[in-house]
Protein backbone atom coordinates (compact mmCIF):
# COMPACT_ATOMS: atom_id res chain seq x y z
CA MET A 1 26.99 104.68 138.35
CA SER A 2 28.81 103.02 141.08
CA ALA A 3 32.03 104.33 142.86
CA ILE A 4 34.06 101.31 141.33
CA ALA A 5 32.66 101.96 137.69
CA ALA A 6 33.41 105.65 138.32
CA ALA A 7 36.88 104.97 139.07
CA GLU A 8 37.46 102.60 136.01
CA ALA A 9 36.07 105.32 133.57
CA LYS A 10 38.17 107.88 134.61
CA GLU A 11 40.96 106.02 134.08
CA ARG A 12 40.06 105.62 130.54
CA ARG A 13 40.98 108.84 129.49
CA PRO A 14 44.58 108.56 128.17
CA ALA A 15 47.31 110.52 130.35
CA SER A 16 50.05 112.66 128.51
CA THR A 17 53.38 111.04 128.21
CA ARG A 18 55.00 114.46 127.93
CA ALA A 19 52.91 115.66 131.20
CA SER A 20 53.88 112.35 133.11
CA LEU A 21 57.31 112.58 132.14
CA ILE A 22 57.36 116.42 133.54
CA VAL A 23 56.01 115.27 136.92
CA VAL A 24 58.22 112.42 137.31
CA TYR A 25 61.35 114.28 136.40
CA ALA A 26 60.29 117.31 138.67
CA GLY A 27 59.99 114.84 141.35
CA TYR A 28 63.45 113.29 140.47
CA PHE A 29 65.04 116.69 140.65
CA PHE A 30 64.55 116.71 144.49
CA ARG A 31 66.40 113.27 144.71
CA TYR A 32 69.36 114.59 143.12
CA VAL A 33 69.27 117.78 145.38
CA TYR A 34 69.15 115.19 148.42
CA LEU A 35 71.86 113.05 147.13
CA LEU A 36 74.14 116.15 146.44
CA ILE A 37 73.89 117.40 149.81
CA LEU A 38 74.40 113.68 151.27
CA ILE A 39 77.09 112.15 149.34
CA PRO A 40 79.42 114.93 150.08
CA PHE A 41 78.28 114.89 153.65
CA TYR A 42 78.99 111.26 153.84
CA GLY A 43 82.45 111.29 152.54
CA ARG A 44 83.71 114.14 154.61
CA VAL A 45 82.03 113.16 157.93
CA LEU A 46 82.40 109.58 157.74
CA GLY A 47 85.80 108.91 155.95
CA ALA A 48 86.61 106.07 153.36
CA GLY A 49 86.53 103.42 155.99
CA GLU A 50 83.03 103.99 157.62
CA TYR A 51 81.70 105.11 154.14
CA GLY A 52 83.17 101.73 153.17
CA ARG A 53 80.86 99.67 155.45
CA VAL A 54 77.95 101.84 154.52
CA LEU A 55 78.23 101.25 151.07
CA ALA A 56 79.10 97.48 151.63
CA ALA A 57 75.67 97.54 153.38
CA MET A 58 73.75 99.41 150.72
CA SER A 59 75.04 96.84 148.28
CA LEU A 60 73.93 93.90 150.30
CA TYR A 61 70.49 95.65 150.64
CA GLN A 62 69.83 95.77 146.86
CA VAL A 63 70.86 92.44 146.18
CA VAL A 64 68.56 90.86 148.96
CA TRP A 65 65.85 93.49 147.79
CA LEU A 66 65.86 92.43 144.11
CA LEU A 67 66.00 88.65 144.93
CA ILE A 68 62.55 89.22 146.99
CA GLU A 69 61.17 91.06 144.32
CA TRP A 70 61.98 88.32 141.88
CA GLY A 71 61.12 90.55 138.91
CA MET A 72 57.54 91.18 139.97
CA PRO A 73 57.80 94.73 139.76
CA SER A 74 58.09 94.46 136.01
CA ALA A 75 55.47 91.85 135.60
CA GLY A 76 53.07 93.76 137.99
CA GLY A 77 53.53 97.18 136.22
CA ARG A 78 52.75 95.88 132.74
CA ASP A 79 49.88 93.76 134.17
CA VAL A 80 48.41 96.48 135.65
CA ALA A 81 48.28 98.77 132.95
CA GLN A 82 46.51 96.06 130.81
CA ASN A 83 44.02 95.14 133.39
CA ARG A 84 41.76 98.19 134.34
CA SER A 85 39.13 96.83 136.43
CA ILE A 86 39.39 96.99 140.26
CA ALA A 87 38.58 93.40 140.70
CA ALA A 88 41.49 92.46 138.25
CA ARG A 89 43.77 94.78 140.02
CA ALA A 90 42.76 93.45 143.59
CA GLU A 91 43.73 89.92 142.29
CA LEU A 92 47.08 91.18 141.02
CA TYR A 93 48.03 93.04 144.21
CA GLY A 94 46.94 90.04 146.25
CA THR A 95 49.24 87.63 143.93
CA GLN A 96 52.08 90.03 144.06
CA MET A 97 52.11 90.08 148.25
CA CYS A 98 51.95 86.67 148.30
CA GLY A 99 54.63 85.78 145.89
CA ARG A 100 56.90 88.40 148.05
CA LEU A 101 56.10 86.61 151.04
CA ILE A 102 57.47 83.37 149.55
CA THR A 103 60.49 84.85 148.26
CA ALA A 104 61.35 86.92 151.39
CA ALA A 105 60.88 83.62 153.70
CA VAL A 106 64.04 82.19 151.33
CA PHE A 107 66.24 85.28 150.65
CA VAL A 108 66.04 86.85 154.12
CA PRO A 109 67.96 84.13 155.68
CA LEU A 110 70.27 84.02 152.80
CA GLY A 111 70.94 87.50 153.08
CA LEU A 112 72.09 87.37 156.72
CA ILE A 113 74.48 84.79 155.94
CA ALA A 114 75.90 86.63 153.15
CA ALA A 115 76.34 89.44 155.59
CA HIS A 116 78.25 87.21 157.94
CA PHE A 117 80.99 86.57 155.50
CA SER A 118 81.77 89.90 154.57
CA GLU A 119 83.87 91.62 157.13
CA ALA A 120 82.84 94.94 156.55
CA LEU A 121 79.23 93.98 157.43
CA ALA A 122 80.00 91.47 159.93
CA ASN A 123 82.01 93.60 162.53
CA PRO A 124 80.08 95.37 163.55
CA HIS A 125 76.98 93.04 162.81
CA GLU A 126 74.37 95.84 162.82
CA PHE A 127 75.32 96.91 159.34
CA GLY A 128 74.64 93.26 157.84
CA VAL A 129 71.14 93.12 159.82
CA CYS A 130 70.08 96.42 158.97
CA ALA A 131 70.73 96.13 155.13
CA VAL A 132 68.50 92.83 155.20
CA LEU A 133 65.64 94.66 156.97
CA MET A 134 66.03 97.35 154.28
CA ALA A 135 65.72 95.03 151.68
CA LEU A 136 62.58 93.39 153.12
CA ILE A 137 60.85 96.70 153.72
CA SER A 138 61.66 97.96 150.09
CA ALA A 139 60.62 94.54 148.58
CA PHE A 140 56.78 95.31 149.59
CA ASN A 141 56.82 99.04 148.09
CA LEU A 142 53.86 99.51 145.40
CA GLY A 143 55.89 101.71 142.89
CA TRP A 144 54.99 98.98 140.59
CA TYR A 145 51.34 99.49 141.09
CA PHE A 146 51.52 103.56 140.80
CA GLN A 147 53.58 102.95 137.46
CA GLY A 148 51.36 100.74 135.97
CA THR A 149 48.27 102.92 136.79
CA LEU A 150 50.10 106.12 135.53
CA GLN A 151 49.85 107.56 139.18
CA PHE A 152 53.10 109.19 139.07
CA ARG A 153 52.27 111.93 141.48
CA LYS A 154 51.44 109.73 144.35
CA SER A 155 54.74 107.67 143.71
CA ILE A 156 56.73 111.00 143.60
CA ALA A 157 54.91 112.34 146.82
CA LEU A 158 55.75 109.13 149.01
CA GLU A 159 59.45 109.32 147.82
CA LEU A 160 59.26 113.05 148.84
CA LEU A 161 58.13 112.00 152.00
CA GLY A 162 60.91 109.74 152.43
CA PHE A 163 63.41 112.47 151.51
CA ALA A 164 61.85 114.85 154.13
CA ILE A 165 62.25 112.56 156.87
CA ASN A 166 65.93 110.99 155.93
CA LEU A 167 67.72 114.45 155.42
CA PRO A 168 67.16 116.36 158.46
CA ALA A 169 67.42 112.98 160.81
CA ILE A 170 70.81 111.97 158.90
CA LEU A 171 72.26 115.66 158.95
CA LEU A 172 71.33 115.91 162.91
CA LEU A 173 72.33 112.27 163.99
CA VAL A 174 75.38 111.53 161.88
CA ARG A 175 78.48 113.30 163.56
CA GLY A 176 81.59 111.38 163.02
CA PRO A 177 83.27 108.25 161.81
CA GLN A 178 81.54 105.95 164.31
CA ASP A 179 77.80 107.14 162.96
CA GLY A 180 77.58 104.96 159.77
CA ALA A 181 74.83 102.64 161.27
CA ARG A 182 72.76 105.58 162.07
CA ILE A 183 72.08 106.09 158.36
CA LEU A 184 70.72 102.75 157.98
CA TYR A 185 68.22 103.25 161.07
CA VAL A 186 67.01 106.28 159.64
CA LEU A 187 66.47 105.01 156.24
CA ILE A 188 64.77 101.81 157.88
CA PHE A 189 62.36 104.15 159.63
CA SER A 190 61.26 106.24 156.58
CA GLY A 191 60.92 103.11 154.38
CA CYS A 192 58.64 101.71 156.99
CA VAL A 193 56.51 105.04 156.84
CA SER A 194 56.43 105.34 153.09
CA THR A 195 55.65 101.75 152.46
CA ALA A 196 52.69 101.76 155.03
CA ILE A 197 51.15 104.80 153.39
CA ALA A 198 51.12 103.27 149.97
CA HIS A 199 49.74 100.28 150.80
CA PHE A 200 46.85 102.17 152.63
CA LEU A 201 46.15 104.33 149.38
CA VAL A 202 46.18 101.34 147.00
CA LEU A 203 43.83 99.29 149.17
CA ARG A 204 41.57 102.34 149.63
CA GLU A 205 41.63 102.66 145.80
CA LEU A 206 41.04 98.76 145.42
CA HIS A 207 37.74 99.43 147.85
CA TRP A 208 39.60 97.05 150.26
CA ARG A 209 38.27 94.02 148.30
CA VAL A 210 41.67 92.32 148.62
CA SER A 211 42.34 89.09 150.33
CA LEU A 212 45.52 86.96 150.77
CA LEU A 213 43.94 84.35 152.75
CA GLY A 214 44.40 80.86 150.57
CA ARG A 215 46.60 82.95 147.78
CA LEU A 216 49.95 81.21 148.66
CA ALA A 217 49.74 78.62 146.10
CA GLU A 218 48.65 81.17 143.31
CA GLY A 219 51.83 83.33 144.65
CA ALA A 220 53.81 80.07 144.27
CA ARG A 221 52.84 79.59 140.78
CA PHE A 222 53.36 83.36 140.01
CA VAL A 223 56.67 83.16 141.20
CA ARG A 224 57.66 80.09 139.07
CA ARG A 225 56.32 81.84 136.14
CA ASN A 226 58.45 85.26 136.91
CA VAL A 227 61.64 83.21 136.41
CA PRO A 228 62.54 84.88 132.86
CA LEU A 229 61.61 88.27 134.59
CA PHE A 230 63.69 87.79 137.85
CA ILE A 231 66.89 86.95 135.39
CA HIS A 232 66.17 90.22 133.84
CA SER A 233 66.15 91.96 137.28
CA GLY A 234 69.64 90.14 137.93
CA ILE A 235 71.51 92.22 135.96
CA SER A 236 70.64 95.21 138.05
CA LEU A 237 71.28 92.76 140.92
CA VAL A 238 74.93 92.39 139.79
CA LEU A 239 75.64 95.50 137.72
CA ALA A 240 74.04 98.19 140.39
CA GLY A 241 74.16 96.28 143.44
CA ALA A 242 76.05 93.36 143.81
CA THR A 243 79.64 94.38 142.94
CA THR A 244 80.21 96.41 146.16
CA TYR A 245 79.57 93.39 148.17
CA LEU A 246 81.60 91.07 146.06
CA LEU A 247 84.33 93.64 146.40
CA SER A 248 83.90 93.69 150.21
CA LEU A 249 84.81 89.74 150.46
CA TYR A 250 88.32 90.69 149.22
CA ALA A 251 88.90 94.53 149.87
CA THR A 252 89.45 96.51 153.06
CA PRO A 253 86.68 99.14 154.28
CA ALA A 254 88.57 102.15 152.84
CA GLU A 255 88.98 100.27 149.30
CA ILE A 256 85.37 99.86 149.48
CA GLY A 257 84.97 103.40 150.14
CA HIS A 258 86.87 104.42 146.87
CA TYR A 259 85.18 102.25 144.63
CA GLY A 260 81.96 102.92 146.33
CA ALA A 261 82.21 106.63 146.11
CA ALA A 262 82.97 106.34 142.19
CA ASP A 263 79.87 103.45 141.95
CA ARG A 264 77.71 106.14 143.84
CA LEU A 265 78.55 108.72 141.19
CA VAL A 266 77.76 106.35 138.44
CA THR A 267 74.58 105.15 139.81
CA VAL A 268 73.46 108.73 140.25
CA GLY A 269 73.74 109.23 136.56
CA LEU A 270 72.21 106.42 135.83
CA SER A 271 69.37 106.83 137.88
CA LEU A 272 68.63 109.97 135.38
CA ILE A 273 66.64 107.04 133.49
CA ALA A 274 64.40 105.91 136.17
CA PRO A 275 61.84 108.66 135.81
CA ALA A 276 61.57 107.61 132.09
CA ASN A 277 61.44 104.21 132.77
CA GLN A 278 58.46 104.57 135.17
CA VAL A 279 56.60 106.52 132.71
CA LEU A 280 57.50 104.56 129.39
CA ILE A 281 57.21 100.91 130.91
CA GLY A 282 53.67 101.68 131.75
CA THR A 283 52.68 103.81 128.54
CA ILE A 284 54.20 101.68 125.84
CA SER A 285 52.41 98.56 127.56
CA SER A 286 49.37 100.16 127.85
CA ARG A 287 49.25 101.66 124.17
CA LEU A 288 50.23 98.10 122.91
CA ALA A 289 47.20 96.86 124.40
CA GLU A 290 45.16 99.39 122.23
CA PRO A 291 45.27 98.35 118.44
CA GLN A 292 44.59 101.95 117.28
CA ARG A 293 47.69 103.24 119.39
CA ARG A 294 50.32 100.42 118.52
CA ALA A 295 52.11 102.62 116.00
CA ASP A 296 52.67 105.23 118.90
CA ALA A 297 54.11 102.51 121.03
CA PHE A 298 56.45 101.47 118.38
CA ARG A 299 57.19 105.22 117.65
CA LEU A 300 58.13 105.69 121.33
CA MET A 301 60.38 102.87 121.30
CA CYS A 302 62.56 104.00 118.32
CA ARG A 303 63.15 107.28 119.68
CA ALA A 304 64.01 105.88 122.96
CA LEU A 305 66.59 103.42 121.22
CA LEU A 306 68.12 106.32 119.57
CA ILE A 307 68.29 109.36 122.03
CA ALA A 308 69.19 107.38 125.31
CA PRO A 309 72.65 105.75 124.35
CA SER A 310 73.57 109.07 122.78
CA LEU A 311 72.83 111.12 125.85
CA GLY A 312 74.60 108.34 127.82
CA LEU A 313 77.82 108.95 125.63
CA LEU A 314 77.56 112.61 126.31
CA VAL A 315 77.47 112.28 130.08
CA ALA A 316 80.30 109.83 130.02
CA LEU A 317 82.74 112.14 128.16
CA LEU A 318 81.76 115.14 130.26
CA THR A 319 82.29 113.31 133.63
CA TYR A 320 85.66 111.89 132.20
CA ALA A 321 86.70 115.31 131.70
CA ILE A 322 85.59 116.77 135.12
CA ALA A 323 86.47 114.30 137.38
CA PRO A 324 89.82 115.54 138.64
CA PHE A 325 88.27 118.56 140.09
CA ALA A 326 84.61 116.84 141.00
CA ILE A 327 85.84 114.12 143.16
CA PRO A 328 87.90 116.19 145.68
CA LEU A 329 85.41 118.81 145.87
CA ILE A 330 82.51 116.09 146.42
CA PHE A 331 84.20 113.93 148.79
CA GLY A 332 87.30 115.19 150.14
CA GLY A 333 90.90 114.76 149.98
CA ASP A 334 90.43 110.94 151.30
CA PHE A 335 88.84 109.88 148.05
CA GLY A 336 91.68 110.70 145.49
CA ALA A 337 91.93 106.87 144.61
CA SER A 338 88.35 107.14 143.06
CA ILE A 339 89.32 109.67 140.02
CA ALA A 340 90.64 107.02 138.02
CA LEU A 341 87.79 104.70 138.84
CA VAL A 342 85.23 107.26 137.82
CA ARG A 343 86.90 107.99 134.55
CA ALA A 344 86.97 103.93 133.64
CA LEU A 345 83.31 103.06 135.21
CA ILE A 346 81.40 106.03 133.55
CA PHE A 347 81.83 104.28 130.03
CA VAL A 348 79.16 102.06 131.53
CA PHE A 349 76.39 104.72 130.66
CA PRO A 350 75.95 104.50 126.85
CA LEU A 351 76.15 100.69 127.17
CA ALA A 352 73.86 100.38 130.17
CA LEU A 353 71.09 102.83 128.54
CA PHE A 354 71.27 100.74 125.27
CA THR A 355 70.25 97.63 127.06
CA GLN A 356 67.62 99.14 129.58
CA VAL A 357 65.88 100.32 126.40
CA THR A 358 66.06 97.16 124.78
CA THR A 359 64.97 94.93 127.68
CA GLY A 360 62.74 97.19 129.62
CA TRP A 361 60.84 99.60 127.08
CA ILE A 362 60.74 97.03 124.05
CA LEU A 363 61.24 93.19 124.93
CA VAL A 364 59.10 93.74 128.27
CA PRO A 365 56.26 95.37 126.94
CA LEU A 366 56.26 92.87 123.98
CA ARG A 367 56.43 89.98 126.41
CA CYS A 368 59.50 88.95 125.05
CA ASP A 369 60.52 87.53 128.48
CA ARG A 370 62.81 84.74 127.48
CA ARG A 371 64.84 87.10 125.57
CA VAL A 372 65.03 89.48 128.42
CA ALA A 373 66.29 86.58 130.47
CA LEU A 374 68.69 85.70 127.87
CA ILE A 375 70.29 89.44 127.83
CA SER A 376 70.30 89.59 131.35
CA LEU A 377 71.61 86.27 132.28
CA VAL A 378 74.56 86.19 130.08
CA GLY A 379 75.53 89.74 131.44
CA THR A 380 75.01 88.39 134.95
CA VAL A 381 77.31 85.40 134.35
CA VAL A 382 79.81 87.27 132.49
CA THR A 383 79.85 90.26 135.16
CA THR A 384 80.02 88.08 138.47
CA LEU A 385 83.09 85.67 136.89
CA ALA A 386 84.71 88.89 135.81
CA VAL A 387 84.33 90.85 139.35
CA LEU A 388 85.16 87.59 141.41
CA LEU A 389 88.34 86.76 139.48
CA LEU A 390 89.60 90.41 138.63
CA ALA A 391 88.69 91.87 141.96
CA SER A 392 90.62 89.25 144.02
CA ALA A 393 93.78 90.26 141.93
CA HIS A 394 93.01 93.83 141.55
CA SER A 395 90.72 94.95 144.00
CA SER A 396 88.73 98.12 142.95
CA ALA A 397 90.47 98.41 139.48
CA GLY A 398 89.32 94.81 139.03
CA ALA A 399 85.49 95.39 140.02
CA VAL A 400 85.48 98.29 137.48
CA ALA A 401 86.78 95.77 134.85
CA GLY A 402 84.25 93.31 135.48
CA ARG A 403 81.28 95.82 135.25
CA LEU A 404 82.43 97.21 131.97
CA ALA A 405 82.94 93.52 130.42
CA GLY A 406 79.57 92.54 131.70
CA TYR A 407 77.72 95.64 130.02
CA LEU A 408 79.37 95.26 126.75
CA VAL A 409 78.52 91.79 126.30
CA MET A 410 74.84 92.48 127.01
CA THR A 411 74.91 95.31 124.75
CA ILE A 412 76.07 93.03 121.99
CA VAL A 413 73.51 90.28 122.43
CA SER A 414 70.70 92.93 122.89
CA ALA A 415 71.56 94.23 119.40
CA ILE A 416 71.63 90.59 117.95
CA VAL A 417 68.14 90.01 119.62
CA LEU A 418 66.79 93.51 118.27
CA ARG A 419 68.05 92.31 114.60
CA GLN A 420 66.17 89.23 115.14
CA LEU A 421 62.70 90.89 116.04
CA ALA A 422 63.03 93.54 113.30
CA ALA A 423 63.56 90.18 110.73
CA GLN A 424 60.37 88.62 112.27
CA GLY A 425 58.37 92.10 111.67
CA ARG A 426 57.74 92.56 115.45
CA LEU A 427 58.89 96.07 115.79
CA SER A 428 56.19 97.65 113.66
CA ALA A 429 52.73 97.80 114.16
């Protein structure tokens, strides 16, 4: 048996979903420890103003990153899970890389222009430049490949490597309110290291059979086909990333810092779903591809739809109760204005989890890309308009109201779509 055939035969053995979830959540435990150390450190050492600049840079970074990715990770994880030959996966890898080269050529310059219009990012200019460079590096990560092939240990190991570089370097180099840009320099370096190692591991697994020459036309077609999934990713762009940048167009760095502190806590809470997201998108897609396991896939969908929003509501109520004590403890006395923002923003939890399960774990594996696009496009438009209108008049409170409005509308549209699918018999084996 050849090495390629042996590798393909080995992967046909089904992985345990429970074991995969345990591995991924164990890795994410270290992410939360990392954040529990650095978030209070940033608030106390940098202060609200400089921390606001860092958060505005991170917001622009997420926006440009998701624009360059163009929804390709969702398609890549699904396609890799359903194509198990080395040759097919090598073609998918090449198409993904060419697609990202095309989108990067468009959105990197646009990111630099966007940085120019934000006072927090343009003065000093390195905040905006670093944000765009970080986005470019992150857009070429291979998390989608490891998720689709259920190689969660490799993905977690690479993330832990990044933490091991970032944590000591930031604690040593960031000494006062003038050192915010140093955080971005460290993140750029660790991103380069982790991404380079990931590509080496995948190319070795594909027996170096990948060629990008002559594939740009195929990459362009892939980008065009991926518009519905890009629209789906746009909701993450607006709700998880762009709000802080939009606020930076109107607010002072200190106001950005107050909102950003609240947003960071909510983002950490929402990231609890990310490990399950890594496991279940690939797992459900893989089971749907096997007729004898389709019933298992639909059972997983139903459980997730019940459990995830319920846990989100529980977390929201708990956070509402402890916010007056937790915010000063975490960030220091300079962030008292963040308490009311957290207590309002935290109620995106159950709404966001319901939408995530519907779009990511049900509609994407079922290849209902147009419905995914509809949900996300409606939410994106509502959120963007609400944040732009309300933030200009009410600053950070308006940004919070805009995000809540967007998630509420998406939840309603998601429920309508699920009801339509159930009526069509598409939610059963």
